[in-house]
Protein backbone atom coordinates (compact mmCIF):
# COMPACT_ATOMS: atom_id res chain seq x y z
CA MET A 1 0.00 0.00 0.00
CA LYS A 2 2.83 2.33 0.85
CA MET A 3 4.35 1.99 -2.61
CA GLN A 4 1.02 2.55 -4.37
CA LYS A 5 -0.26 5.48 -2.34
CA ASN A 6 0.66 7.91 -5.13
CA VAL A 7 -1.47 5.97 -7.60
CA TRP A 8 -4.43 4.88 -5.46
CA GLN A 9 -6.15 6.35 -2.44
CA ILE A 10 -5.49 4.56 0.85
CA LYS A 11 -9.25 4.26 1.32
CA GLU A 12 -9.65 2.37 -1.97
CA MET A 13 -6.68 0.07 -1.37
CA ALA A 14 -7.86 -0.73 2.15
CA LEU A 15 -11.27 -1.67 0.80
CA ALA A 16 -9.78 -3.83 -1.98
CA LEU A 17 -7.36 -5.60 0.39
CA GLU A 18 -9.97 -5.94 3.13
CA VAL A 19 -7.94 -4.13 5.77
CA THR A 20 -8.80 -1.10 7.84
CA ARG A 21 -7.25 2.28 7.18
CA SER A 22 -6.50 2.65 10.87
CA GLY A 23 -4.70 -0.71 10.83
CA TYR A 24 -2.56 0.43 7.94
CA TYR A 25 -1.54 3.63 9.72
CA LYS A 26 -0.91 1.72 12.94
CA PHE A 27 1.38 -0.64 11.02
CA LEU A 28 3.33 2.33 9.62
CA LYS A 29 3.95 3.71 13.10
CA ALA A 30 4.70 0.36 14.71
CA ASN A 31 8.20 -0.48 15.80
CA LEU A 32 9.05 -3.69 13.98
CA GLY A 33 10.11 -6.47 16.31
CA SER A 34 13.59 -7.86 16.68
CA ARG A 35 12.55 -11.19 15.10
CA PHE A 36 11.38 -9.36 11.96
CA GLN A 37 14.66 -7.46 11.78
CA GLU A 38 16.68 -10.67 12.26
CA ASN A 39 14.67 -12.33 9.48
CA GLU A 40 15.44 -9.44 7.13
CA ILE A 41 19.18 -9.82 7.81
CA LEU A 42 19.00 -13.60 7.38
CA LEU A 43 17.02 -13.23 4.16
CA ALA A 44 19.70 -10.99 2.69
CA GLU A 45 22.39 -13.54 3.62
CA ILE A 46 20.27 -16.38 2.21
CA LYS A 47 19.94 -14.54 -1.10
CA LYS A 48 23.71 -13.97 -1.26
CA SER A 49 24.45 -17.62 -0.57
CA HIS A 50 21.79 -18.83 -3.01
CA GLU A 51 23.09 -16.59 -5.80
CA ALA A 52 26.69 -17.64 -5.07
CA SER A 53 25.65 -21.27 -5.58
CA ARG A 54 24.12 -20.35 -8.94
CA GLU A 55 20.73 -20.92 -7.33
CA THR A 56 21.30 -24.64 -6.83
CA TYR A 57 21.61 -24.89 -3.04
CA GLY A 58 18.60 -25.84 -0.99
CA SER A 59 17.92 -25.05 2.64
CA PRO A 60 20.33 -27.63 4.15
CA ARG A 61 23.35 -26.25 2.28
CA ILE A 62 22.29 -22.63 2.75
CA HIS A 63 21.89 -23.36 6.47
CA LYS A 64 25.41 -24.78 6.53
CA ASP A 65 26.78 -21.67 4.79
CA LEU A 66 24.99 -19.42 7.28
CA SER A 67 26.30 -21.44 10.22
CA LEU A 68 29.85 -21.19 8.93
CA ALA A 69 29.39 -17.44 8.55
CA GLY A 70 28.29 -17.17 12.19
CA HIS A 71 24.54 -16.78 11.74
CA GLY A 72 22.83 -19.02 14.27
CA CYS A 73 19.44 -20.26 13.13
CA SER A 74 17.65 -23.52 12.43
CA ARG A 75 17.39 -25.24 9.07
CA LYS A 76 13.60 -25.01 9.28
CA ARG A 77 13.80 -21.24 9.70
CA VAL A 78 16.04 -21.04 6.63
CA ALA A 79 13.59 -23.20 4.66
CA ARG A 80 10.65 -20.99 5.72
CA LEU A 81 12.49 -17.82 4.71
CA MET A 82 13.48 -19.35 1.38
CA GLN A 83 9.86 -20.00 0.49
């Protein structure tokens, strides 16, 4: 919604997406949690590792690369973020 606010009115987008306008503004002001921020960092590292493997590595190998780089997380978390 934030990216399209110059094209569409917030009111129209909220109606189309079945969300409230107040919820959208609350989300904008909300302090994103530490887990969300960690996931964003991990996702960037996952993308680097995946591109370095010419997009052939799956979650087990990506998890191993992340572990060797010092990023502690589970293989299931890596698999979820890769989806």
